[in-house]
Amino acid sequence: KAYTPEMAQNISKKLLAKSELLVNELNKRLQQDSIKLAEEE
C-alpha cells in the first residue's frame, strides 16, 4: 500500500529485487559451505 500508484509499484519492485538477492546469497553460501566441507574432507 502507498499513497501514489508509482510509489506502490516502486516499493514492490524493490522488495522483489531484495528477495531475489537474498535467495542468491543463500544459494552462494550453501555452495561455498559445501565446497569448503568437501575440501576439508
PDB file of all heavy atoms in Angstrom:
ATOM      1  N   LYS A   1       0.847  -1.193   0.000  1.00  0.00           N
ATOM      2  CA  LYS A   1       0.000   0.000   0.000  1.00  0.00           C
ATOM      3  C   LYS A   1       0.881   1.241   0.000  1.00  0.00           C
ATOM      4  O   LYS A   1       1.883   1.310   0.710  1.00  0.00           O
ATOM      5  CB  LYS A   1      -0.904   0.039   1.236  1.00  0.00           C
ATOM      6  CG  LYS A   1      -1.832  -1.143   1.387  1.00  0.00           C
ATOM      7  CD  LYS A   1      -2.743  -0.918   2.587  1.00  0.00           C
ATOM      8  CE  LYS A   1      -3.538  -2.157   2.921  1.00  0.00           C
ATOM      9  NZ  LYS A   1      -2.702  -3.236   3.506  1.00  0.00           N
ATOM     10  N   ALA A   2       0.464   2.245  -0.764  1.00  0.00           N
ATOM     11  CA  ALA A   2       1.154   3.536  -0.797  1.00  0.00           C
ATOM     12  C   ALA A   2       0.149   4.594  -1.220  1.00  0.00           C
ATOM     13  O   ALA A   2      -0.930   4.300  -1.752  1.00  0.00           O
ATOM     14  CB  ALA A   2       2.354   3.511  -1.731  1.00  0.00           C
ATOM     15  N   TYR A   3       0.533   5.857  -0.999  1.00  0.00           N
ATOM     16  CA  TYR A   3      -0.396   6.948  -1.310  1.00  0.00           C
ATOM     17  C   TYR A   3      -0.386   7.310  -2.790  1.00  0.00           C
ATOM     18  O   TYR A   3      -1.257   8.062  -3.235  1.00  0.00           O
ATOM     19  CB  TYR A   3      -0.043   8.180  -0.479  1.00  0.00           C
ATOM     20  CG  TYR A   3      -0.360   8.006   0.994  1.00  0.00           C
ATOM     21  CD1 TYR A   3       0.646   7.900   1.927  1.00  0.00           C
ATOM     22  CD2 TYR A   3      -1.677   7.943   1.436  1.00  0.00           C
ATOM     23  CE1 TYR A   3       0.372   7.732   3.275  1.00  0.00           C
ATOM     24  CE2 TYR A   3      -1.978   7.779   2.782  1.00  0.00           C
ATOM     25  CZ  TYR A   3      -0.943   7.676   3.695  1.00  0.00           C
ATOM     26  OH  TYR A   3      -1.221   7.507   5.022  1.00  0.00           O
ATOM     27  N   THR A   4       0.569   6.829  -3.563  1.00  0.00           N
ATOM     28  CA  THR A   4       0.612   7.053  -5.011  1.00  0.00           C
ATOM     29  C   THR A   4       0.834   5.711  -5.706  1.00  0.00           C
ATOM     30  O   THR A   4       1.518   4.838  -5.165  1.00  0.00           O
ATOM     31  CB  THR A   4       1.737   8.020  -5.397  1.00  0.00           C
ATOM     32  OG1 THR A   4       2.998   7.480  -4.989  1.00  0.00           O
ATOM     33  CG2 THR A   4       1.528   9.375  -4.728  1.00  0.00           C
ATOM     34  N   PRO A   5       0.276   5.546  -6.907  1.00  0.00           N
ATOM     35  CA  PRO A   5       0.467   4.270  -7.612  1.00  0.00           C
ATOM     36  C   PRO A   5       1.934   3.997  -7.923  1.00  0.00           C
ATOM     37  O   PRO A   5       2.386   2.849  -7.847  1.00  0.00           O
ATOM     38  CB  PRO A   5      -0.359   4.452  -8.891  1.00  0.00           C
ATOM     39  CG  PRO A   5      -1.332   5.547  -8.581  1.00  0.00           C
ATOM     40  CD  PRO A   5      -0.634   6.450  -7.612  1.00  0.00           C
ATOM     41  N   GLU A   6       2.681   5.040  -8.293  1.00  0.00           N
ATOM     42  CA  GLU A   6       4.083   4.852  -8.652  1.00  0.00           C
ATOM     43  C   GLU A   6       4.910   4.378  -7.458  1.00  0.00           C
ATOM     44  O   GLU A   6       5.763   3.483  -7.592  1.00  0.00           O
ATOM     45  CB  GLU A   6       4.671   6.144  -9.216  1.00  0.00           C
ATOM     46  CG  GLU A   6       4.078   6.587 -10.546  1.00  0.00           C
ATOM     47  CD  GLU A   6       2.711   7.230 -10.399  1.00  0.00           C
ATOM     48  OE1 GLU A   6       2.329   7.517  -9.232  1.00  0.00           O
ATOM     49  OE2 GLU A   6       2.017   7.417 -11.417  1.00  0.00           O
ATOM     50  N   MET A   7       4.659   4.971  -6.287  1.00  0.00           N
ATOM     51  CA  MET A   7       5.408   4.561  -5.108  1.00  0.00           C
ATOM     52  C   MET A   7       5.078   3.118  -4.728  1.00  0.00           C
ATOM     53  O   MET A   7       5.975   2.341  -4.338  1.00  0.00           O
ATOM     54  CB  MET A   7       5.104   5.497  -3.944  1.00  0.00           C
ATOM     55  CG  MET A   7       5.821   5.126  -2.655  1.00  0.00           C
ATOM     56  SD  MET A   7       7.619   5.083  -2.802  1.00  0.00           S
ATOM     57  CE  MET A   7       7.981   6.843  -2.825  1.00  0.00           C
ATOM     58  N   ALA A   8       3.827   2.727  -4.837  1.00  0.00           N
ATOM     59  CA  ALA A   8       3.451   1.340  -4.527  1.00  0.00           C
ATOM     60  C   ALA A   8       4.160   0.363  -5.455  1.00  0.00           C
ATOM     61  O   ALA A   8       4.686  -0.667  -5.013  1.00  0.00           O
ATOM     62  CB  ALA A   8       1.933   1.177  -4.632  1.00  0.00           C
ATOM     63  N   GLN A   9       4.218   0.687  -6.738  1.00  0.00           N
ATOM     64  CA  GLN A   9       4.894  -0.204  -7.683  1.00  0.00           C
ATOM     65  C   GLN A   9       6.409  -0.217  -7.451  1.00  0.00           C
ATOM     66  O   GLN A   9       7.050  -1.272  -7.527  1.00  0.00           O
ATOM     67  CB  GLN A   9       4.594   0.217  -9.114  1.00  0.00           C
ATOM     68  CG  GLN A   9       5.115  -0.760 -10.158  1.00  0.00           C
ATOM     69  CD  GLN A   9       4.875  -0.288 -11.565  1.00  0.00           C
ATOM     70  OE1 GLN A   9       4.946   0.916 -11.849  1.00  0.00           O
ATOM     71  NE2 GLN A   9       4.573  -1.215 -12.468  1.00  0.00           N
ATOM     72  N   ASN A  10       6.981   0.945  -7.163  1.00  0.00           N
ATOM     73  CA  ASN A  10       8.428   1.006  -6.922  1.00  0.00           C
ATOM     74  C   ASN A  10       8.828   0.200  -5.687  1.00  0.00           C
ATOM     75  O   ASN A  10       9.859  -0.490  -5.677  1.00  0.00           O
ATOM     76  CB  ASN A  10       8.869   2.460  -6.771  1.00  0.00           C
ATOM     77  CG  ASN A  10       8.758   3.228  -8.074  1.00  0.00           C
ATOM     78  OD1 ASN A  10       8.796   2.634  -9.158  1.00  0.00           O
ATOM     79  ND2 ASN A  10       8.603   4.538  -7.983  1.00  0.00           N
ATOM     80  N   ILE A  11       8.018   0.300  -4.627  1.00  0.00           N
ATOM     81  CA  ILE A  11       8.317  -0.491  -3.419  1.00  0.00           C
ATOM     82  C   ILE A  11       8.215  -1.973  -3.728  1.00  0.00           C
ATOM     83  O   ILE A  11       9.053  -2.777  -3.284  1.00  0.00           O
ATOM     84  CB  ILE A  11       7.369  -0.092  -2.273  1.00  0.00           C
ATOM     85  CG1 ILE A  11       7.628   1.362  -1.849  1.00  0.00           C
ATOM     86  CG2 ILE A  11       7.553  -1.018  -1.077  1.00  0.00           C
ATOM     87  CD1 ILE A  11       6.668   1.868  -0.797  1.00  0.00           C
ATOM     88  N   SER A  12       7.215  -2.379  -4.508  1.00  0.00           N
ATOM     89  CA  SER A  12       7.060  -3.789  -4.866  1.00  0.00           C
ATOM     90  C   SER A  12       8.264  -4.284  -5.665  1.00  0.00           C
ATOM     91  O   SER A  12       8.787  -5.382  -5.419  1.00  0.00           O
ATOM     92  CB  SER A  12       5.775  -3.991  -5.670  1.00  0.00           C
ATOM     93  OG  SER A  12       4.638  -3.656  -4.898  1.00  0.00           O
ATOM     94  N   LYS A  13       8.710  -3.482  -6.621  1.00  0.00           N
ATOM     95  CA  LYS A  13       9.885  -3.874  -7.421  1.00  0.00           C
ATOM     96  C   LYS A  13      11.127  -3.996  -6.542  1.00  0.00           C
ATOM     97  O   LYS A  13      11.939  -4.918  -6.720  1.00  0.00           O
ATOM     98  CB  LYS A  13      10.121  -2.851  -8.525  1.00  0.00           C
ATOM     99  CG  LYS A  13       9.086  -2.882  -9.643  1.00  0.00           C
ATOM    100  CD  LYS A  13       9.421  -1.867 -10.720  1.00  0.00           C
ATOM    101  CE  LYS A  13       8.422  -1.934 -11.871  1.00  0.00           C
ATOM    102  NZ  LYS A  13       8.736  -0.930 -12.922  1.00  0.00           N
ATOM    103  N   LYS A  14      11.267  -3.077  -5.613  1.00  0.00           N
ATOM    104  CA  LYS A  14      12.431  -3.114  -4.739  1.00  0.00           C
ATOM    105  C   LYS A  14      12.379  -4.351  -3.826  1.00  0.00           C
ATOM    106  O   LYS A  14      13.417  -4.999  -3.590  1.00  0.00           O
ATOM    107  CB  LYS A  14      12.491  -1.835  -3.907  1.00  0.00           C
ATOM    108  CG  LYS A  14      13.781  -1.648  -3.143  1.00  0.00           C
ATOM    109  CD  LYS A  14      14.977  -1.570  -4.078  1.00  0.00           C
ATOM    110  CE  LYS A  14      14.887  -0.378  -5.021  1.00  0.00           C
ATOM    111  NZ  LYS A  14      16.092  -0.275  -5.873  1.00  0.00           N
ATOM    112  N   LEU A  15      11.204  -4.675  -3.328  1.00  0.00           N
ATOM    113  CA  LEU A  15      11.073  -5.873  -2.498  1.00  0.00           C
ATOM    114  C   LEU A  15      11.379  -7.138  -3.292  1.00  0.00           C
ATOM    115  O   LEU A  15      12.020  -8.064  -2.786  1.00  0.00           O
ATOM    116  CB  LEU A  15       9.657  -5.956  -1.917  1.00  0.00           C
ATOM    117  CG  LEU A  15       9.239  -4.865  -0.939  1.00  0.00           C
ATOM    118  CD1 LEU A  15       7.830  -5.119  -0.439  1.00  0.00           C
ATOM    119  CD2 LEU A  15      10.195  -4.781   0.227  1.00  0.00           C
ATOM    120  N   LEU A  16      10.949  -7.174  -4.552  1.00  0.00           N
ATOM    121  CA  LEU A  16      11.234  -8.331  -5.402  1.00  0.00           C
ATOM    122  C   LEU A  16      12.737  -8.467  -5.649  1.00  0.00           C
ATOM    123  O   LEU A  16      13.291  -9.570  -5.580  1.00  0.00           O
ATOM    124  CB  LEU A  16      10.482  -8.191  -6.720  1.00  0.00           C
ATOM    125  CG  LEU A  16      10.620  -9.357  -7.701  1.00  0.00           C
ATOM    126  CD1 LEU A  16      10.043 -10.634  -7.107  1.00  0.00           C
ATOM    127  CD2 LEU A  16       9.923  -9.030  -9.021  1.00  0.00           C
ATOM    128  N   ALA A  17      13.403  -7.332  -5.916  1.00  0.00           N
ATOM    129  CA  ALA A  17      14.849  -7.372  -6.158  1.00  0.00           C
ATOM    130  C   ALA A  17      15.612  -7.786  -4.908  1.00  0.00           C
ATOM    131  O   ALA A  17      16.561  -8.596  -4.971  1.00  0.00           O
ATOM    132  CB  ALA A  17      15.321  -6.002  -6.642  1.00  0.00           C
ATOM    133  N   LYS A  18      15.206  -7.260  -3.749  1.00  0.00           N
ATOM    134  CA  LYS A  18      15.886  -7.623  -2.500  1.00  0.00           C
ATOM    135  C   LYS A  18      15.660  -9.094  -2.162  1.00  0.00           C
ATOM    136  O   LYS A  18      16.569  -9.775  -1.650  1.00  0.00           O
ATOM    137  CB  LYS A  18      15.373  -6.745  -1.360  1.00  0.00           C
ATOM    138  CG  LYS A  18      15.701  -5.263  -1.509  1.00  0.00           C
ATOM    139  CD  LYS A  18      17.189  -5.009  -1.452  1.00  0.00           C
ATOM    140  CE  LYS A  18      17.500  -3.528  -1.541  1.00  0.00           C
ATOM    141  NZ  LYS A  18      18.957  -3.256  -1.528  1.00  0.00           N
ATOM    142  N   SER A  19      14.469  -9.614  -2.440  1.00  0.00           N
ATOM    143  CA  SER A  19      14.190 -11.026  -2.167  1.00  0.00           C
ATOM    144  C   SER A  19      15.030 -11.933  -3.068  1.00  0.00           C
ATOM    145  O   SER A  19      15.567 -12.948  -2.619  1.00  0.00           O
ATOM    146  CB  SER A  19      12.706 -11.316  -2.383  1.00  0.00           C
ATOM    147  OG  SER A  19      11.902 -10.543  -1.503  1.00  0.00           O
ATOM    148  N   GLU A  20      15.146 -11.566  -4.329  1.00  0.00           N
ATOM    149  CA  GLU A  20      15.982 -12.350  -5.238  1.00  0.00           C
ATOM    150  C   GLU A  20      17.441 -12.302  -4.824  1.00  0.00           C
ATOM    151  O   GLU A  20      18.153 -13.314  -4.899  1.00  0.00           O
ATOM    152  CB  GLU A  20      15.819 -11.829  -6.663  1.00  0.00           C
ATOM    153  CG  GLU A  20      16.533 -12.669  -7.709  1.00  0.00           C
ATOM    154  CD  GLU A  20      16.216 -12.230  -9.123  1.00  0.00           C
ATOM    155  OE1 GLU A  20      15.550 -11.183  -9.280  1.00  0.00           O
ATOM    156  OE2 GLU A  20      16.638 -12.918 -10.059  1.00  0.00           O
ATOM    157  N   LEU A  21      17.894 -11.131  -4.386  1.00  0.00           N
ATOM    158  CA  LEU A  21      19.273 -11.015  -3.903  1.00  0.00           C
ATOM    159  C   LEU A  21      19.498 -11.895  -2.670  1.00  0.00           C
ATOM    160  O   LEU A  21      20.564 -12.526  -2.529  1.00  0.00           O
ATOM    161  CB  LEU A  21      19.576  -9.556  -3.581  1.00  0.00           C
ATOM    162  CG  LEU A  21      21.018  -9.221  -3.163  1.00  0.00           C
ATOM    163  CD1 LEU A  21      21.977  -9.529  -4.308  1.00  0.00           C
ATOM    164  CD2 LEU A  21      21.127  -7.757  -2.761  1.00  0.00           C
ATOM    165  N   LEU A  22      18.502 -11.957  -1.789  1.00  0.00           N
ATOM    166  CA  LEU A  22      18.612 -12.809  -0.600  1.00  0.00           C
ATOM    167  C   LEU A  22      18.703 -14.280  -0.991  1.00  0.00           C
ATOM    168  O   LEU A  22      19.521 -15.029  -0.443  1.00  0.00           O
ATOM    169  CB  LEU A  22      17.404 -12.574   0.308  1.00  0.00           C
ATOM    170  CG  LEU A  22      17.311 -13.488   1.537  1.00  0.00           C
ATOM    171  CD1 LEU A  22      18.461 -13.213   2.497  1.00  0.00           C
ATOM    172  CD2 LEU A  22      15.973 -13.317   2.238  1.00  0.00           C
ATOM    173  N   VAL A  23      17.886 -14.718  -1.951  1.00  0.00           N
ATOM    174  CA  VAL A  23      17.908 -16.116  -2.391  1.00  0.00           C
ATOM    175  C   VAL A  23      19.266 -16.452  -3.003  1.00  0.00           C
ATOM    176  O   VAL A  23      19.839 -17.520  -2.740  1.00  0.00           O
ATOM    177  CB  VAL A  23      16.768 -16.373  -3.393  1.00  0.00           C
ATOM    178  CG1 VAL A  23      16.896 -17.755  -4.011  1.00  0.00           C
ATOM    179  CG2 VAL A  23      15.419 -16.248  -2.701  1.00  0.00           C
ATOM    180  N   ASN A  24      19.789 -15.548  -3.827  1.00  0.00           N
ATOM    181  CA  ASN A  24      21.101 -15.785  -4.433  1.00  0.00           C
ATOM    182  C   ASN A  24      22.201 -15.843  -3.374  1.00  0.00           C
ATOM    183  O   ASN A  24      23.141 -16.649  -3.483  1.00  0.00           O
ATOM    184  CB  ASN A  24      21.417 -14.685  -5.446  1.00  0.00           C
ATOM    185  CG  ASN A  24      20.474 -14.718  -6.637  1.00  0.00           C
ATOM    186  OD1 ASN A  24      19.899 -15.761  -6.959  1.00  0.00           O
ATOM    187  ND2 ASN A  24      20.281 -13.581  -7.284  1.00  0.00           N
ATOM    188  N   GLU A  25      22.083 -15.010  -2.360  1.00  0.00           N
ATOM    189  CA  GLU A  25      23.088 -15.003  -1.301  1.00  0.00           C
ATOM    190  C   GLU A  25      23.026 -16.311  -0.500  1.00  0.00           C
ATOM    191  O   GLU A  25      24.070 -16.899  -0.166  1.00  0.00           O
ATOM    192  CB  GLU A  25      22.860 -13.809  -0.375  1.00  0.00           C
ATOM    193  CG  GLU A  25      23.910 -13.640   0.707  1.00  0.00           C
ATOM    194  CD  GLU A  25      25.272 -13.286   0.162  1.00  0.00           C
ATOM    195  OE1 GLU A  25      25.344 -12.766  -0.978  1.00  0.00           O
ATOM    196  OE2 GLU A  25      26.269 -13.520   0.865  1.00  0.00           O
ATOM    197  N   LEU A  26      21.823 -16.768  -0.214  1.00  0.00           N
ATOM    198  CA  LEU A  26      21.680 -18.050   0.480  1.00  0.00           C
ATOM    199  C   LEU A  26      22.242 -19.191  -0.358  1.00  0.00           C
ATOM    200  O   LEU A  26      22.930 -20.082   0.164  1.00  0.00           O
ATOM    201  CB  LEU A  26      20.206 -18.310   0.798  1.00  0.00           C
ATOM    202  CG  LEU A  26      19.553 -17.409   1.857  1.00  0.00           C
ATOM    203  CD1 LEU A  26      18.065 -17.711   1.940  1.00  0.00           C
ATOM    204  CD2 LEU A  26      20.207 -17.594   3.209  1.00  0.00           C
ATOM    205  N   ASN A  27      21.941 -19.160  -1.663  1.00  0.00           N
ATOM    206  CA  ASN A  27      22.451 -20.196  -2.550  1.00  0.00           C
ATOM    207  C   ASN A  27      23.973 -20.173  -2.604  1.00  0.00           C
ATOM    208  O   ASN A  27      24.638 -21.222  -2.567  1.00  0.00           O
ATOM    209  CB  ASN A  27      21.865 -19.985  -3.945  1.00  0.00           C
ATOM    210  CG  ASN A  27      22.284 -21.063  -4.921  1.00  0.00           C
ATOM    211  OD1 ASN A  27      21.841 -22.199  -4.826  1.00  0.00           O
ATOM    212  ND2 ASN A  27      23.142 -20.722  -5.866  1.00  0.00           N
ATOM    213  N   LYS A  28      24.543 -18.982  -2.655  1.00  0.00           N
ATOM    214  CA  LYS A  28      26.002 -18.849  -2.703  1.00  0.00           C
ATOM    215  C   LYS A  28      26.641 -19.355  -1.415  1.00  0.00           C
ATOM    216  O   LYS A  28      27.671 -20.043  -1.442  1.00  0.00           O
ATOM    217  CB  LYS A  28      26.366 -17.383  -2.939  1.00  0.00           C
ATOM    218  CG  LYS A  28      27.851 -17.130  -3.098  1.00  0.00           C
ATOM    219  CD  LYS A  28      28.118 -15.660  -3.380  1.00  0.00           C
ATOM    220  CE  LYS A  28      29.613 -15.393  -3.508  1.00  0.00           C
ATOM    221  NZ  LYS A  28      29.881 -13.946  -3.765  1.00  0.00           N
ATOM    222  N   ARG A  29      26.048 -19.037  -0.298  1.00  0.00           N
ATOM    223  CA  ARG A  29      26.599 -19.507   0.984  1.00  0.00           C
ATOM    224  C   ARG A  29      26.544 -21.022   1.093  1.00  0.00           C
ATOM    225  O   ARG A  29      27.495 -21.653   1.569  1.00  0.00           O
ATOM    226  CB  ARG A  29      25.829 -18.866   2.136  1.00  0.00           C
ATOM    227  CG  ARG A  29      26.100 -17.386   2.319  1.00  0.00           C
ATOM    228  CD  ARG A  29      25.352 -16.860   3.519  1.00  0.00           C
ATOM    229  NE  ARG A  29      25.581 -15.430   3.707  1.00  0.00           N
ATOM    230  CZ  ARG A  29      25.034 -14.708   4.683  1.00  0.00           C
ATOM    231  NH1 ARG A  29      24.236 -15.298   5.569  1.00  0.00           N
ATOM    232  NH2 ARG A  29      25.283 -13.419   4.783  1.00  0.00           N
ATOM    233  N   LEU A  30      25.445 -21.618   0.666  1.00  0.00           N
ATOM    234  CA  LEU A  30      25.331 -23.069   0.712  1.00  0.00           C
ATOM    235  C   LEU A  30      26.382 -23.733  -0.170  1.00  0.00           C
ATOM    236  O   LEU A  30      26.993 -24.739   0.210  1.00  0.00           O
ATOM    237  CB  LEU A  30      23.924 -23.501   0.272  1.00  0.00           C
ATOM    238  CG  LEU A  30      22.782 -23.172   1.243  1.00  0.00           C
ATOM    239  CD1 LEU A  30      21.441 -23.520   0.609  1.00  0.00           C
ATOM    240  CD2 LEU A  30      22.954 -23.912   2.552  1.00  0.00           C
ATOM    241  N   GLN A  31      26.594 -23.174  -1.348  1.00  0.00           N
ATOM    242  CA  GLN A  31      27.598 -23.733  -2.254  1.00  0.00           C
ATOM    243  C   GLN A  31      28.996 -23.589  -1.671  1.00  0.00           C
ATOM    244  O   GLN A  31      29.810 -24.527  -1.735  1.00  0.00           O
ATOM    245  CB  GLN A  31      27.509 -23.041  -3.609  1.00  0.00           C
ATOM    246  CG  GLN A  31      26.242 -23.363  -4.382  1.00  0.00           C
ATOM    247  CD  GLN A  31      26.088 -22.521  -5.619  1.00  0.00           C
ATOM    248  OE1 GLN A  31      26.829 -21.558  -5.826  1.00  0.00           O
ATOM    249  NE2 GLN A  31      25.139 -22.874  -6.473  1.00  0.00           N
ATOM    250  N   GLN A  32      29.277 -22.427  -1.111  1.00  0.00           N
ATOM    251  CA  GLN A  32      30.594 -22.235  -0.505  1.00  0.00           C
ATOM    252  C   GLN A  32      30.818 -23.175   0.674  1.00  0.00           C
ATOM    253  O   GLN A  32      31.910 -23.724   0.845  1.00  0.00           O
ATOM    254  CB  GLN A  32      30.744 -20.773  -0.068  1.00  0.00           C
ATOM    255  CG  GLN A  32      30.868 -19.796  -1.222  1.00  0.00           C
ATOM    256  CD  GLN A  32      30.952 -18.354  -0.755  1.00  0.00           C
ATOM    257  OE1 GLN A  32      30.753 -18.068   0.431  1.00  0.00           O
ATOM    258  NE2 GLN A  32      31.244 -17.445  -1.664  1.00  0.00           N
ATOM    259  N   ASP A  33      29.778 -23.351   1.479  1.00  0.00           N
ATOM    260  CA  ASP A  33      29.900 -24.286   2.601  1.00  0.00           C
ATOM    261  C   ASP A  33      30.115 -25.718   2.124  1.00  0.00           C
ATOM    262  O   ASP A  33      30.904 -26.472   2.722  1.00  0.00           O
ATOM    263  CB  ASP A  33      28.649 -24.212   3.479  1.00  0.00           C
ATOM    264  CG  ASP A  33      28.528 -22.880   4.207  1.00  0.00           C
ATOM    265  OD1 ASP A  33      29.552 -22.175   4.316  1.00  0.00           O
ATOM    266  OD2 ASP A  33      27.417 -22.544   4.647  1.00  0.00           O
ATOM    267  N   SER A  34      29.435 -26.114   1.035  1.00  0.00           N
ATOM    268  CA  SER A  34      29.610 -27.469   0.506  1.00  0.00           C
ATOM    269  C   SER A  34      31.028 -27.674  -0.014  1.00  0.00           C
ATOM    270  O   SER A  34      31.657 -28.706   0.244  1.00  0.00           O
ATOM    271  CB  SER A  34      28.595 -27.712  -0.616  1.00  0.00           C
ATOM    272  OG  SER A  34      27.273 -27.599  -0.132  1.00  0.00           O
ATOM    273  N   ILE A  35      31.536 -26.681  -0.735  1.00  0.00           N
ATOM    274  CA  ILE A  35      32.904 -26.784  -1.267  1.00  0.00           C
ATOM    275  C   ILE A  35      33.918 -26.820  -0.129  1.00  0.00           C
ATOM    276  O   ILE A  35      34.875 -27.613  -0.147  1.00  0.00           O
ATOM    277  CB  ILE A  35      33.185 -25.614  -2.223  1.00  0.00           C
ATOM    278  CG1 ILE A  35      32.291 -25.719  -3.460  1.00  0.00           C
ATOM    279  CG2 ILE A  35      34.655 -25.593  -2.635  1.00  0.00           C
ATOM    280  CD1 ILE A  35      32.390 -24.529  -4.387  1.00  0.00           C
ATOM    281  N   LYS A  36      33.706 -25.975   0.861  1.00  0.00           N
ATOM    282  CA  LYS A  36      34.631 -25.941   1.998  1.00  0.00           C
ATOM    283  C   LYS A  36      34.630 -27.265   2.751  1.00  0.00           C
ATOM    284  O   LYS A  36      35.691 -27.784   3.139  1.00  0.00           O
ATOM    285  CB  LYS A  36      34.248 -24.796   2.935  1.00  0.00           C
ATOM    286  CG  LYS A  36      35.208 -24.585   4.086  1.00  0.00           C
ATOM    287  CD  LYS A  36      34.782 -23.397   4.932  1.00  0.00           C
ATOM    288  CE  LYS A  36      35.733 -23.202   6.102  1.00  0.00           C
ATOM    289  NZ  LYS A  36      35.308 -22.061   6.959  1.00  0.00           N
ATOM    290  N   LEU A  37      33.448 -27.830   2.977  1.00  0.00           N
ATOM    291  CA  LEU A  37      33.359 -29.107   3.678  1.00  0.00           C
ATOM    292  C   LEU A  37      34.027 -30.220   2.881  1.00  0.00           C
ATOM    293  O   LEU A  37      34.756 -31.051   3.442  1.00  0.00           O
ATOM    294  CB  LEU A  37      31.885 -29.449   3.930  1.00  0.00           C
ATOM    295  CG  LEU A  37      31.610 -30.776   4.646  1.00  0.00           C
ATOM    296  CD1 LEU A  37      32.253 -30.791   6.017  1.00  0.00           C
ATOM    297  CD2 LEU A  37      30.109 -31.022   4.740  1.00  0.00           C
ATOM    298  N   ALA A  38      33.784 -30.257   1.556  1.00  0.00           N
ATOM    299  CA  ALA A  38      34.407 -31.282   0.725  1.00  0.00           C
ATOM    300  C   ALA A  38      35.925 -31.135   0.709  1.00  0.00           C
ATOM    301  O   ALA A  38      36.659 -32.135   0.738  1.00  0.00           O
ATOM    302  CB  ALA A  38      33.855 -31.206  -0.693  1.00  0.00           C
ATOM    303  N   GLU A  39      36.397 -29.908   0.673  1.00  0.00           N
ATOM    304  CA  GLU A  39      37.844 -29.675   0.684  1.00  0.00           C
ATOM    305  C   GLU A  39      38.461 -30.132   2.007  1.00  0.00           C
ATOM    306  O   GLU A  39      39.559 -30.733   2.028  1.00  0.00           O
ATOM    307  CB  GLU A  39      38.121 -28.197   0.453  1.00  0.00           C
ATOM    308  CG  GLU A  39      39.592 -27.851   0.303  1.00  0.00           C
ATOM    309  CD  GLU A  39      39.800 -26.379  -0.005  1.00  0.00           C
ATOM    310  OE1 GLU A  39      38.800 -25.626  -0.027  1.00  0.00           O
ATOM    311  OE2 GLU A  39      40.957 -25.981  -0.215  1.00  0.00           O
ATOM    312  N   GLU A  40      37.798 -29.879   3.102  1.00  0.00           N
ATOM    313  CA  GLU A  40      38.308 -30.336   4.396  1.00  0.00           C
ATOM    314  C   GLU A  40      38.342 -31.860   4.474  1.00  0.00           C
ATOM    315  O   GLU A  40      39.283 -32.443   5.037  1.00  0.00           O
ATOM    316  CB  GLU A  40      37.435 -29.764   5.521  1.00  0.00           C
ATOM    317  CG  GLU A  40      37.583 -28.257   5.701  1.00  0.00           C
ATOM    318  CD  GLU A  40      36.669 -27.720   6.786  1.00  0.00           C
ATOM    319  OE1 GLU A  40      35.858 -28.530   7.309  1.00  0.00           O
ATOM    320  OE2 GLU A  40      36.764 -26.520   7.115  1.00  0.00           O
ATOM    321  N   GLU A  41      37.332 -32.514   3.897  1.00  0.00           N
ATOM    322  CA  GLU A  41      37.319 -33.981   3.894  1.00  0.00           C
ATOM    323  C   GLU A  41      38.475 -34.529   3.064  1.00  0.00           C
ATOM    324  O   GLU A  41      39.086 -35.552   3.424  1.00  0.00           O
ATOM    325  CB  GLU A  41      35.983 -34.487   3.334  1.00  0.00           C
ATOM    326  CG  GLU A  41      34.789 -34.246   4.250  1.00  0.00           C
ATOM    327  CD  GLU A  41      34.910 -35.019   5.545  1.00  0.00           C
ATOM    328  OE1 GLU A  41      35.467 -36.135   5.529  1.00  0.00           O
ATOM    329  OE2 GLU A  41      34.447 -34.511   6.583  1.00  0.00           O
TER     330      GLU A  41
END
